[in-house]
Structure formats: structure tokens, C-alpha cells
Amino acid sequence: MVLPLFVCPGEGVKREIGSMPGNFQMSVDQLVRECEEVRGLGLGGVILFGLPETKDELASGAYAEDGIVQRALAAVKREVPGLLLITDVCNCEYTSHGHCGLVKGDDVDNDATLDWLARAAVSHARAGADIVAPSDMMDGRVGAIRTALDEVGFSGIPILSYAAKFASVFYGPFREAADSAPQFGDRRSYQMDPANAREAMREIELDLEEGADMIIVKPAMPYLDLIREARVRFDVPIAAYQVSGEFSMIVAAAERGWIDYDRAVMESLIGIRRAGADFVLTYFAKVAARLL
């Protein structure tokens, strides 16, 4: 299990996310303490999402050498050695408009965005990332990132691609957590249609051809069939992301006494694992580790 964490500017900051009880936006010092706990629980690692000091139309905070995720990586790598560090490589948290790439007119320019993603991945690797995970869904981004990493000596850094990422309603709470809601329109022009299972398999195949080492299916529970299909077709590590909406629904129902919290957490994770996921990105990681 991999725990998603949100790092923000400041010192001594640990701000609970309203729609995701028990999850926090944390400054680097608090993030280090959280990562110490994660290592102590024996989890598989963490994936970092950043909230920058400022945003602009060029997502410059995503690939700045002193960006918030880059500073967090350096601190955790120094203070919590041995913990696996994965970074989300995207732009939506860093753009003033909340979209995942360079906006021209009413559309995101796919090809122009690839340079941002490649630069962000390289900056993460330099700061200490063990794995980079592009989540933007731009076509060709895995190849661009692989080339950029190899050119500067990071050929050993694996790419965990969000290859099958759907335009899902279940991302709602995350957008509060990462302050990444689009200011106009939506992301359906570059994220995938929930009805289109065939496209998911094509996207996974293309990303693997471009150099992805592992893939993610996101969300998890509404797409268990695609986790299973990917497991049958592709002999690579497969992750599933149990996203914020899946987490928050279970928490809300348990708070109202409608379901048993511990059993619901474990049953949901077992279902994802049974479908074929080798590892799960989940906000229940610490809870499940204690239950196990």
C-alpha cells in the first residue's frame, strides 16, 4: 500500500482536509514526521502531491528546482532513509486555471505540455524521487519523460504511468485537498470516458511501448473489471488508485453508523487486490496497516 500525501508551504502546518477526514495538507516539517510514521508501519511508500506558494499559467512551480515537492523530497530522503518516494507528475496543482497543461483558447495543448512534464520529472529525480508517476493523460508524455530522464543520467528511475485514468466524479474531495479544481470547463478532453474500456487497454499498451515500467488504473472500485483485464493482458506491475471519493464515501457512511468502518476498509482493499492489483494507492493505508 502507498499513502498519498499533500505538502504545502509554511512551517508547523497540518491542516485537515474537510472532505477527507484524517488527511492533511502538511508543511515539509510535518510531512517528515508523517513519513517517519509511514516507515514505522511498514507501508510500501508514499506518493507526494504539492500545493505551491503561487500559481501561474505556465505551471512553473511544478518543475522549479526549489518547488514545494522538490523541497519535500530532499527533506524526507535525508530524514527518513529507506522510505520509497513516488511523485505525482502533473500540472493541475500549479496552473492558475487548474488544467493539466498549456491552455490555448479553450483547449489544452498536448504537445506543448510535454516539456513541462519532462522538466518536472527530471527535477523530482534530482531531488530524490525513487519513482515518477505522470498523471496528466497527455499523449506521448511517457516517452518524453523517459527520454529526458535518460539524457541526464536517470535511466534507473522507473515511470509509474497513470495509463488508465478516467474522467471520474470520484475525484471531488481530492480537488479540495490539492486545490486543483479547473476554473473553467472540465478534463474530459484528455481524461478517459468511463464507458470506454477498449481505450483503456490501448492507452496502457501505448504507455508501455513508450517506456512505462508500471501502470495505474484510476479510480479503483468502479473499474475493477479493467484492473482484471490489464492483469490478464500485461505482465508488468499494476497499481490501482483508491481515490478520494471512494475513501470519503466509506468514511461518511461509517460516521453515520450505516456500515462497519474497519470491515468496509478491508473489504474494499481486498476487492482491489483480488481483481489483480499488485499494489494500491489508498488513503486507508495507515488504517489498513494497523488492522493487519
C-alpha atoms as a PDB file:
ATOM      1  CA  MET A   1       0.000   0.000   0.000  1.00  0.00           C
ATOM      2  CA  VAL A   2       1.132   3.510  -0.874  1.00  0.00           C
ATOM      3  CA  LEU A   3      -0.132   6.549   1.055  1.00  0.00           C
ATOM      4  CA  PRO A   4      -0.876   9.777  -0.855  1.00  0.00           C
ATOM      5  CA  LEU A   5       0.355  12.902   0.961  1.00  0.00           C
ATOM      6  CA  PHE A   6      -0.161  16.619   0.332  1.00  0.00           C
ATOM      7  CA  VAL A   7       2.689  19.032   1.028  1.00  0.00           C
ATOM      8  CA  CYS A   8       2.146  22.789   1.355  1.00  0.00           C
ATOM      9  CA  PRO A   9       4.220  25.897   2.177  1.00  0.00           C
ATOM     10  CA  GLY A  10       4.931  27.072   5.700  1.00  0.00           C
ATOM     11  CA  GLU A  11       6.174  25.551   8.933  1.00  0.00           C
ATOM     12  CA  GLY A  12       4.229  23.652  11.545  1.00  0.00           C
ATOM     13  CA  VAL A  13       1.228  23.397   9.199  1.00  0.00           C
ATOM     14  CA  LYS A  14      -1.080  20.392   9.491  1.00  0.00           C
ATOM     15  CA  ARG A  15      -4.458  21.420   8.082  1.00  0.00           C
ATOM     16  CA  GLU A  16      -7.181  18.789   7.923  1.00  0.00           C
ATOM     17  CA  ILE A  17      -8.966  18.378   4.588  1.00  0.00           C
ATOM     18  CA  GLY A  18     -12.674  18.849   5.264  1.00  0.00           C
ATOM     19  CA  SER A  19     -13.978  16.281   2.791  1.00  0.00           C
ATOM     20  CA  MET A  20     -11.258  13.740   3.671  1.00  0.00           C
ATOM     21  CA  PRO A  21     -11.199  13.331   7.463  1.00  0.00           C
ATOM     22  CA  GLY A  22      -7.842  12.200   8.797  1.00  0.00           C
ATOM     23  CA  ASN A  23      -5.933  13.537   5.791  1.00  0.00           C
ATOM     24  CA  PHE A  24      -3.999  16.798   5.890  1.00  0.00           C
ATOM     25  CA  GLN A  25      -2.192  19.453   3.936  1.00  0.00           C
ATOM     26  CA  MET A  26       1.211  19.458   5.653  1.00  0.00           C
ATOM     27  CA  SER A  27       4.284  21.656   5.596  1.00  0.00           C
ATOM     28  CA  VAL A  28       7.593  19.923   4.931  1.00  0.00           C
ATOM     29  CA  ASP A  29       8.481  19.512   8.617  1.00  0.00           C
ATOM     30  CA  GLN A  30       5.142  17.875   9.376  1.00  0.00           C
ATOM     31  CA  LEU A  31       5.405  15.729   6.255  1.00  0.00           C
ATOM     32  CA  VAL A  32       8.723  14.363   7.502  1.00  0.00           C
ATOM     33  CA  ARG A  33       7.059  13.318  10.762  1.00  0.00           C
ATOM     34  CA  GLU A  34       4.248  11.649   8.829  1.00  0.00           C
ATOM     35  CA  CYS A  35       6.754   9.779   6.696  1.00  0.00           C
ATOM     36  CA  GLU A  36       8.533   8.520   9.804  1.00  0.00           C
ATOM     37  CA  GLU A  37       5.216   7.021  10.926  1.00  0.00           C
ATOM     38  CA  VAL A  38       4.633   5.517   7.475  1.00  0.00           C
ATOM     39  CA  ARG A  39       8.044   3.849   7.543  1.00  0.00           C
ATOM     40  CA  GLY A  40       7.352   2.521  11.031  1.00  0.00           C
ATOM     41  CA  LEU A  41       4.109   0.923   9.832  1.00  0.00           C
ATOM     42  CA  GLY A  42       5.929  -0.888   7.043  1.00  0.00           C
ATOM     43  CA  LEU A  43       3.938   0.637   4.191  1.00  0.00           C
ATOM     44  CA  GLY A  44       5.177   0.375   0.616  1.00  0.00           C
ATOM     45  CA  GLY A  45       5.866   4.089   0.368  1.00  0.00           C
ATOM     46  CA  VAL A  46       4.230   7.453  -0.242  1.00  0.00           C
ATOM     47  CA  ILE A  47       3.214   9.473  -3.281  1.00  0.00           C
ATOM     48  CA  LEU A  48       3.602  13.240  -2.974  1.00  0.00           C
ATOM     49  CA  PHE A  49       1.315  15.975  -4.276  1.00  0.00           C
ATOM     50  CA  GLY A  50       2.318  19.618  -3.978  1.00  0.00           C
ATOM     51  CA  LEU A  51       0.485  22.852  -3.227  1.00  0.00           C
ATOM     52  CA  PRO A  52       2.758  25.680  -4.397  1.00  0.00           C
ATOM     53  CA  GLU A  53       3.138  29.154  -2.913  1.00  0.00           C
ATOM     54  CA  THR A  54       1.901  30.701  -6.159  1.00  0.00           C
ATOM     55  CA  LYS A  55       0.340  29.513  -9.394  1.00  0.00           C
ATOM     56  CA  ASP A  56       0.689  30.769 -12.950  1.00  0.00           C
ATOM     57  CA  GLU A  57      -0.342  29.857 -16.483  1.00  0.00           C
ATOM     58  CA  LEU A  58       2.954  28.046 -17.113  1.00  0.00           C
ATOM     59  CA  ALA A  59       2.827  25.722 -14.062  1.00  0.00           C
ATOM     60  CA  SER A  60       6.330  26.920 -13.202  1.00  0.00           C
ATOM     61  CA  GLY A  61       6.109  25.589  -9.637  1.00  0.00           C
ATOM     62  CA  ALA A  62       5.831  22.039 -10.989  1.00  0.00           C
ATOM     63  CA  TYR A  63       9.354  21.981 -12.410  1.00  0.00           C
ATOM     64  CA  ALA A  64      11.145  24.586 -10.270  1.00  0.00           C
ATOM     65  CA  GLU A  65      14.264  23.150  -8.648  1.00  0.00           C
ATOM     66  CA  ASP A  66      13.136  24.715  -5.347  1.00  0.00           C
ATOM     67  CA  GLY A  67       9.467  23.783  -5.763  1.00  0.00           C
ATOM     68  CA  ILE A  68       7.422  22.503  -2.861  1.00  0.00           C
ATOM     69  CA  VAL A  69       7.624  18.812  -3.853  1.00  0.00           C
ATOM     70  CA  GLN A  70      11.321  19.120  -4.633  1.00  0.00           C
ATOM     71  CA  ARG A  71      11.996  20.552  -1.157  1.00  0.00           C
ATOM     72  CA  ALA A  72       9.861  17.855   0.453  1.00  0.00           C
ATOM     73  CA  LEU A  73      11.705  15.100  -1.406  1.00  0.00           C
ATOM     74  CA  ALA A  74      15.088  16.349  -0.250  1.00  0.00           C
ATOM     75  CA  ALA A  75      13.935  16.593   3.368  1.00  0.00           C
ATOM     76  CA  VAL A  76      12.288  13.174   3.504  1.00  0.00           C
ATOM     77  CA  LYS A  77      15.164  11.490   1.699  1.00  0.00           C
ATOM     78  CA  ARG A  78      17.538  12.980   4.285  1.00  0.00           C
ATOM     79  CA  GLU A  79      15.435  12.394   7.407  1.00  0.00           C
ATOM     80  CA  VAL A  80      13.600   9.150   6.568  1.00  0.00           C
ATOM     81  CA  PRO A  81      16.065   6.998   4.631  1.00  0.00           C
ATOM     82  CA  GLY A  82      14.721   3.821   3.131  1.00  0.00           C
ATOM     83  CA  LEU A  83      11.178   5.070   2.519  1.00  0.00           C
ATOM     84  CA  LEU A  84      10.077   4.701  -1.109  1.00  0.00           C
ATOM     85  CA  LEU A  85       9.192   8.110  -2.576  1.00  0.00           C
ATOM     86  CA  ILE A  86       6.885   8.404  -5.579  1.00  0.00           C
ATOM     87  CA  THR A  87       5.950  11.770  -7.067  1.00  0.00           C
ATOM     88  CA  ASP A  88       2.845  12.746  -8.962  1.00  0.00           C
ATOM     89  CA  VAL A  89       3.957  14.470 -12.174  1.00  0.00           C
ATOM     90  CA  CYS A  90       1.195  16.789 -13.309  1.00  0.00           C
ATOM     91  CA  ASN A  91       0.403  20.483 -13.638  1.00  0.00           C
ATOM     92  CA  CYS A  92      -3.139  20.970 -12.337  1.00  0.00           C
ATOM     93  CA  GLU A  93      -1.988  21.935  -8.829  1.00  0.00           C
ATOM     94  CA  TYR A  94       0.389  24.519 -10.295  1.00  0.00           C
ATOM     95  CA  THR A  95      -1.626  26.242 -13.038  1.00  0.00           C
ATOM     96  CA  SER A  96      -3.753  29.286 -12.293  1.00  0.00           C
ATOM     97  CA  HIS A  97      -6.596  27.774 -14.336  1.00  0.00           C
ATOM     98  CA  GLY A  98      -6.425  24.270 -12.804  1.00  0.00           C
ATOM     99  CA  HIS A  99      -5.966  22.367 -16.045  1.00  0.00           C
ATOM    100  CA  CYS A 100      -3.194  19.845 -16.604  1.00  0.00           C
ATOM    101  CA  GLY A 101      -1.361  21.639 -19.402  1.00  0.00           C
ATOM    102  CA  LEU A 102      -0.826  24.738 -21.509  1.00  0.00           C
ATOM    103  CA  VAL A 103      -4.206  26.225 -22.402  1.00  0.00           C
ATOM    104  CA  LYS A 104      -4.644  27.686 -25.875  1.00  0.00           C
ATOM    105  CA  GLY A 105      -8.114  29.050 -26.446  1.00  0.00           C
ATOM    106  CA  ASP A 106     -10.461  26.586 -24.804  1.00  0.00           C
ATOM    107  CA  ASP A 107      -8.219  23.547 -25.200  1.00  0.00           C
ATOM    108  CA  VAL A 108      -5.122  22.090 -23.581  1.00  0.00           C
ATOM    109  CA  ASP A 109      -2.174  21.920 -25.984  1.00  0.00           C
ATOM    110  CA  ASN A 110      -0.992  18.337 -25.603  1.00  0.00           C
ATOM    111  CA  ASP A 111       2.396  18.584 -27.289  1.00  0.00           C
ATOM    112  CA  ALA A 112       3.417  21.893 -25.698  1.00  0.00           C
ATOM    113  CA  THR A 113       2.717  20.409 -22.259  1.00  0.00           C
ATOM    114  CA  LEU A 114       5.189  17.536 -22.677  1.00  0.00           C
ATOM    115  CA  ASP A 115       8.198  19.761 -21.971  1.00  0.00           C
ATOM    116  CA  TRP A 116       6.722  20.837 -18.614  1.00  0.00           C
ATOM    117  CA  LEU A 117       6.174  17.218 -17.614  1.00  0.00           C
ATOM    118  CA  ALA A 118       9.645  16.117 -18.636  1.00  0.00           C
ATOM    119  CA  ARG A 119      11.248  19.003 -16.738  1.00  0.00           C
ATOM    120  CA  ALA A 120       9.165  18.231 -13.637  1.00  0.00           C
ATOM    121  CA  ALA A 121      10.133  14.553 -13.707  1.00  0.00           C
ATOM    122  CA  VAL A 122      13.841  15.399 -14.005  1.00  0.00           C
ATOM    123  CA  SER A 123      13.611  17.899 -11.131  1.00  0.00           C
ATOM    124  CA  HIS A 124      11.914  15.267  -8.963  1.00  0.00           C
ATOM    125  CA  ALA A 125      14.600  12.711  -9.744  1.00  0.00           C
ATOM    126  CA  ARG A 126      17.321  15.207  -8.859  1.00  0.00           C
ATOM    127  CA  ALA A 127      15.595  15.951  -5.552  1.00  0.00           C
ATOM    128  CA  GLY A 128      15.406  12.281  -4.554  1.00  0.00           C
ATOM    129  CA  ALA A 129      12.312  10.672  -6.109  1.00  0.00           C
ATOM    130  CA  ASP A 130      12.556   6.903  -6.461  1.00  0.00           C
ATOM    131  CA  ILE A 131       9.677   6.678  -8.961  1.00  0.00           C
ATOM    132  CA  VAL A 132       7.917   9.343 -11.055  1.00  0.00           C
ATOM    133  CA  ALA A 133       4.225   8.963 -11.836  1.00  0.00           C
ATOM    134  CA  PRO A 134       2.775  11.115 -14.650  1.00  0.00           C
ATOM    135  CA  SER A 135      -0.965  11.605 -14.155  1.00  0.00           C
ATOM    136  CA  ASP A 136      -1.793  14.299 -16.711  1.00  0.00           C
ATOM    137  CA  MET A 137      -3.020  11.995 -19.514  1.00  0.00           C
ATOM    138  CA  MET A 138      -1.217  13.896 -22.281  1.00  0.00           C
ATOM    139  CA  ASP A 139      -0.426  11.629 -25.223  1.00  0.00           C
ATOM    140  CA  GLY A 140       3.289  10.938 -25.538  1.00  0.00           C
ATOM    141  CA  ARG A 141       4.252  12.063 -22.066  1.00  0.00           C
ATOM    142  CA  VAL A 142       5.804   8.762 -21.008  1.00  0.00           C
ATOM    143  CA  GLY A 143       8.178   8.825 -23.971  1.00  0.00           C
ATOM    144  CA  ALA A 144       9.083  12.451 -23.327  1.00  0.00           C
ATOM    145  CA  ILE A 145       9.782  11.776 -19.654  1.00  0.00           C
ATOM    146  CA  ARG A 146      11.798   8.622 -20.375  1.00  0.00           C
ATOM    147  CA  THR A 147      13.957  10.455 -22.889  1.00  0.00           C
ATOM    148  CA  ALA A 148      14.520  13.412 -20.559  1.00  0.00           C
ATOM    149  CA  LEU A 149      15.449  11.197 -17.599  1.00  0.00           C
ATOM    150  CA  ASP A 150      17.832   9.095 -19.669  1.00  0.00           C
ATOM    151  CA  GLU A 151      19.567  12.147 -21.128  1.00  0.00           C
ATOM    152  CA  VAL A 152      20.615  13.406 -17.679  1.00  0.00           C
ATOM    153  CA  GLY A 153      21.653  10.086 -16.194  1.00  0.00           C
ATOM    154  CA  PHE A 154      18.433   8.909 -14.529  1.00  0.00           C
ATOM    155  CA  SER A 155      17.882   5.830 -16.667  1.00  0.00           C
ATOM    156  CA  GLY A 156      17.272   3.825 -13.482  1.00  0.00           C
ATOM    157  CA  ILE A 157      14.290   5.912 -12.329  1.00  0.00           C
ATOM    158  CA  PRO A 158      11.107   3.935 -13.105  1.00  0.00           C
ATOM    159  CA  ILE A 159       7.970   5.511 -14.569  1.00  0.00           C
ATOM    160  CA  LEU A 160       4.666   4.583 -12.953  1.00  0.00           C
ATOM    161  CA  SER A 161       2.152   5.776 -15.522  1.00  0.00           C
ATOM    162  CA  TYR A 162      -1.435   6.719 -14.827  1.00  0.00           C
ATOM    163  CA  ALA A 163      -2.206   4.916 -18.077  1.00  0.00           C
ATOM    164  CA  ALA A 164      -5.927   4.336 -17.495  1.00  0.00           C
ATOM    165  CA  LYS A 165      -7.203   7.463 -15.747  1.00  0.00           C
ATOM    166  CA  PHE A 166     -10.873   8.206 -16.212  1.00  0.00           C
ATOM    167  CA  ALA A 167     -12.805  11.473 -16.124  1.00  0.00           C
ATOM    168  CA  SER A 168     -14.445  10.468 -12.870  1.00  0.00           C
ATOM    169  CA  VAL A 169     -16.849  12.102 -10.433  1.00  0.00           C
ATOM    170  CA  PHE A 170     -14.946  10.368  -7.619  1.00  0.00           C
ATOM    171  CA  TYR A 171     -12.089  12.904  -7.680  1.00  0.00           C
ATOM    172  CA  GLY A 172     -14.144  15.617  -5.976  1.00  0.00           C
ATOM    173  CA  PRO A 173     -12.567  15.577  -2.482  1.00  0.00           C
ATOM    174  CA  PHE A 174      -9.053  15.422  -3.954  1.00  0.00           C
ATOM    175  CA  ARG A 175      -9.606  18.729  -5.693  1.00  0.00           C
ATOM    176  CA  GLU A 176     -10.137  20.317  -2.303  1.00  0.00           C
ATOM    177  CA  ALA A 177      -7.059  18.555  -0.948  1.00  0.00           C
ATOM    178  CA  ALA A 178      -4.786  19.620  -3.819  1.00  0.00           C
ATOM    179  CA  ASP A 179      -6.563  22.911  -4.616  1.00  0.00           C
ATOM    180  CA  SER A 180      -6.710  21.752  -8.225  1.00  0.00           C
ATOM    181  CA  ALA A 181     -10.288  22.236  -9.432  1.00  0.00           C
ATOM    182  CA  PRO A 182     -10.476  23.550 -13.042  1.00  0.00           C
ATOM    183  CA  GLN A 183     -11.507  27.203 -13.199  1.00  0.00           C
ATOM    184  CA  PHE A 184     -13.458  26.555 -16.400  1.00  0.00           C
ATOM    185  CA  GLY A 185     -14.678  23.522 -18.312  1.00  0.00           C
ATOM    186  CA  ASP A 186     -13.597  20.053 -17.259  1.00  0.00           C
ATOM    187  CA  ARG A 187     -10.922  17.454 -18.074  1.00  0.00           C
ATOM    188  CA  ARG A 188     -12.935  15.162 -20.295  1.00  0.00           C
ATOM    189  CA  SER A 189     -10.974  16.191 -23.389  1.00  0.00           C
ATOM    190  CA  TYR A 190      -7.848  14.437 -22.042  1.00  0.00           C
ATOM    191  CA  GLN A 191      -9.061  12.059 -19.340  1.00  0.00           C
ATOM    192  CA  MET A 192     -10.900   8.953 -20.462  1.00  0.00           C
ATOM    193  CA  ASP A 193     -14.591   8.222 -20.987  1.00  0.00           C
ATOM    194  CA  PRO A 194     -15.776   5.886 -18.195  1.00  0.00           C
ATOM    195  CA  ALA A 195     -17.705   3.836 -20.755  1.00  0.00           C
ATOM    196  CA  ASN A 196     -14.693   3.150 -22.986  1.00  0.00           C
ATOM    197  CA  ALA A 197     -12.893   0.051 -21.755  1.00  0.00           C
ATOM    198  CA  ARG A 198     -11.162  -0.619 -25.070  1.00  0.00           C
ATOM    199  CA  GLU A 199      -9.416   2.755 -24.977  1.00  0.00           C
ATOM    200  CA  ALA A 200      -8.059   1.940 -21.526  1.00  0.00           C
ATOM    201  CA  MET A 201      -6.280  -1.131 -22.859  1.00  0.00           C
ATOM    202  CA  ARG A 202      -4.907   0.830 -25.825  1.00  0.00           C
ATOM    203  CA  GLU A 203      -3.618   3.592 -23.545  1.00  0.00           C
ATOM    204  CA  ILE A 204      -1.865   1.064 -21.301  1.00  0.00           C
ATOM    205  CA  GLU A 205      -0.256  -0.625 -24.294  1.00  0.00           C
ATOM    206  CA  LEU A 206       0.936   2.698 -25.731  1.00  0.00           C
ATOM    207  CA  ASP A 207       2.425   3.829 -22.426  1.00  0.00           C
ATOM    208  CA  LEU A 208       4.303   0.546 -22.032  1.00  0.00           C
ATOM    209  CA  GLU A 209       5.648   0.884 -25.569  1.00  0.00           C
ATOM    210  CA  GLU A 210       6.907   4.384 -24.685  1.00  0.00           C
ATOM    211  CA  GLY A 211       8.814   3.080 -21.673  1.00  0.00           C
ATOM    212  CA  ALA A 212       6.455   2.909 -18.693  1.00  0.00           C
ATOM    213  CA  ASP A 213       7.604   0.343 -16.128  1.00  0.00           C
ATOM    214  CA  MET A 214       4.321   0.136 -14.190  1.00  0.00           C
ATOM    215  CA  ILE A 215       0.776   1.370 -14.750  1.00  0.00           C
ATOM    216  CA  ILE A 216      -2.115   2.686 -12.658  1.00  0.00           C
ATOM    217  CA  VAL A 217      -5.845   2.188 -13.124  1.00  0.00           C
ATOM    218  CA  LYS A 218      -7.725   5.115 -11.549  1.00  0.00           C
ATOM    219  CA  PRO A 219     -10.250   5.101  -9.867  1.00  0.00           C
ATOM    220  CA  ALA A 220     -10.200   1.575  -8.462  1.00  0.00           C
ATOM    221  CA  MET A 221     -13.588   0.259  -7.344  1.00  0.00           C
ATOM    222  CA  PRO A 222     -15.699   1.362 -10.360  1.00  0.00           C
ATOM    223  CA  TYR A 223     -13.020  -0.084 -12.665  1.00  0.00           C
ATOM    224  CA  LEU A 224     -12.245  -3.469 -11.109  1.00  0.00           C
ATOM    225  CA  ASP A 225     -13.019  -5.105 -14.446  1.00  0.00           C
ATOM    226  CA  LEU A 226     -10.260  -3.084 -16.096  1.00  0.00           C
ATOM    227  CA  ILE A 227      -7.765  -3.949 -13.365  1.00  0.00           C
ATOM    228  CA  ARG A 228      -8.544  -7.604 -14.065  1.00  0.00           C
ATOM    229  CA  GLU A 229      -8.334  -7.127 -17.842  1.00  0.00           C
ATOM    230  CA  ALA A 230      -4.989  -5.342 -17.514  1.00  0.00           C
ATOM    231  CA  ARG A 231      -3.697  -8.096 -15.216  1.00  0.00           C
ATOM    232  CA  VAL A 232      -4.545 -10.703 -17.845  1.00  0.00           C
ATOM    233  CA  ARG A 233      -3.058  -8.771 -20.765  1.00  0.00           C
ATOM    234  CA  PHE A 234       0.074  -7.129 -19.371  1.00  0.00           C
ATOM    235  CA  ASP A 235       2.933  -8.712 -17.456  1.00  0.00           C
ATOM    236  CA  VAL A 236       4.003  -5.578 -15.550  1.00  0.00           C
ATOM    237  CA  PRO A 237       3.297  -4.313 -12.027  1.00  0.00           C
ATOM    238  CA  ILE A 238      -0.231  -2.877 -11.879  1.00  0.00           C
ATOM    239  CA  ALA A 239      -1.387  -0.341  -9.339  1.00  0.00           C
ATOM    240  CA  ALA A 240      -4.889   0.786  -8.521  1.00  0.00           C
ATOM    241  CA  TYR A 241      -5.663   4.178  -7.010  1.00  0.00           C
ATOM    242  CA  GLN A 242      -8.475   4.043  -4.470  1.00  0.00           C
ATOM    243  CA  VAL A 243      -9.337   7.697  -4.951  1.00  0.00           C
ATOM    244  CA  SER A 244     -10.659  10.364  -2.611  1.00  0.00           C
ATOM    245  CA  GLY A 245     -14.324   9.833  -3.432  1.00  0.00           C
ATOM    246  CA  GLU A 246     -14.068   6.127  -2.671  1.00  0.00           C
ATOM    247  CA  PHE A 247     -12.392   6.976   0.641  1.00  0.00           C
ATOM    248  CA  SER A 248     -14.860   9.690   1.616  1.00  0.00           C
ATOM    249  CA  MET A 249     -17.951   7.601   0.877  1.00  0.00           C
ATOM    250  CA  ILE A 250     -16.800   4.848   3.209  1.00  0.00           C
ATOM    251  CA  VAL A 251     -15.867   7.333   5.939  1.00  0.00           C
ATOM    252  CA  ALA A 252     -19.180   9.207   5.647  1.00  0.00           C
ATOM    253  CA  ALA A 253     -21.276   6.038   5.753  1.00  0.00           C
ATOM    254  CA  ALA A 254     -19.318   4.721   8.738  1.00  0.00           C
ATOM    255  CA  GLU A 255     -19.697   8.029  10.599  1.00  0.00           C
ATOM    256  CA  ARG A 256     -23.474   7.668  10.239  1.00  0.00           C
ATOM    257  CA  GLY A 257     -23.393   4.112  11.523  1.00  0.00           C
ATOM    258  CA  TRP A 258     -24.539   2.676   8.205  1.00  0.00           C
ATOM    259  CA  ILE A 259     -21.552   0.348   7.739  1.00  0.00           C
ATOM    260  CA  ASP A 260     -18.757  -1.086   9.849  1.00  0.00           C
ATOM    261  CA  TYR A 261     -15.689   1.076   9.171  1.00  0.00           C
ATOM    262  CA  ASP A 262     -12.906  -1.474   9.653  1.00  0.00           C
ATOM    263  CA  ARG A 263     -14.638  -4.183   7.674  1.00  0.00           C
ATOM    264  CA  ALA A 264     -15.524  -1.806   4.832  1.00  0.00           C
ATOM    265  CA  VAL A 265     -11.933  -0.598   4.586  1.00  0.00           C
ATOM    266  CA  MET A 266     -10.531  -4.107   4.391  1.00  0.00           C
ATOM    267  CA  GLU A 267     -13.211  -5.468   2.072  1.00  0.00           C
ATOM    268  CA  SER A 268     -12.701  -2.627  -0.383  1.00  0.00           C
ATOM    269  CA  LEU A 269      -8.945  -3.182  -0.437  1.00  0.00           C
ATOM    270  CA  ILE A 270      -9.279  -6.955  -0.729  1.00  0.00           C
ATOM    271  CA  GLY A 271     -11.576  -6.486  -3.730  1.00  0.00           C
ATOM    272  CA  ILE A 272      -8.989  -4.315  -5.464  1.00  0.00           C
ATOM    273  CA  ARG A 273      -6.234  -6.801  -4.694  1.00  0.00           C
ATOM    274  CA  ARG A 274      -8.383  -9.734  -5.802  1.00  0.00           C
ATOM    275  CA  ALA A 275      -9.040  -8.018  -9.138  1.00  0.00           C
ATOM    276  CA  GLY A 276      -5.314  -8.156  -9.810  1.00  0.00           C
ATOM    277  CA  ALA A 277      -3.651  -5.018  -8.440  1.00  0.00           C
ATOM    278  CA  ASP A 278      -0.107  -5.628  -7.237  1.00  0.00           C
ATOM    279  CA  PHE A 279      -0.234  -2.513  -5.051  1.00  0.00           C
ATOM    280  CA  VAL A 280      -2.810   0.072  -4.062  1.00  0.00           C
ATOM    281  CA  LEU A 281      -2.561   3.826  -3.631  1.00  0.00           C
ATOM    282  CA  THR A 282      -5.017   4.457  -0.812  1.00  0.00           C
ATOM    283  CA  TYR A 283      -5.855   6.977   1.898  1.00  0.00           C
ATOM    284  CA  PHE A 284      -6.667   3.972   4.101  1.00  0.00           C
ATOM    285  CA  ALA A 285      -3.039   2.775   4.033  1.00  0.00           C
ATOM    286  CA  LYS A 286      -2.251   3.560   7.685  1.00  0.00           C
ATOM    287  CA  VAL A 287      -5.626   2.282   8.893  1.00  0.00           C
ATOM    288  CA  ALA A 288      -5.249  -0.963   6.981  1.00  0.00           C
ATOM    289  CA  ALA A 289      -1.667  -1.460   8.146  1.00  0.00           C
ATOM    290  CA  ARG A 290      -2.791  -1.220  11.757  1.00  0.00           C
ATOM    291  CA  LEU A 291      -5.692  -3.592  11.153  1.00  0.00           C
ATOM    292  CA  LEU A 292      -3.351  -6.090   9.530  1.00  0.00           C
END
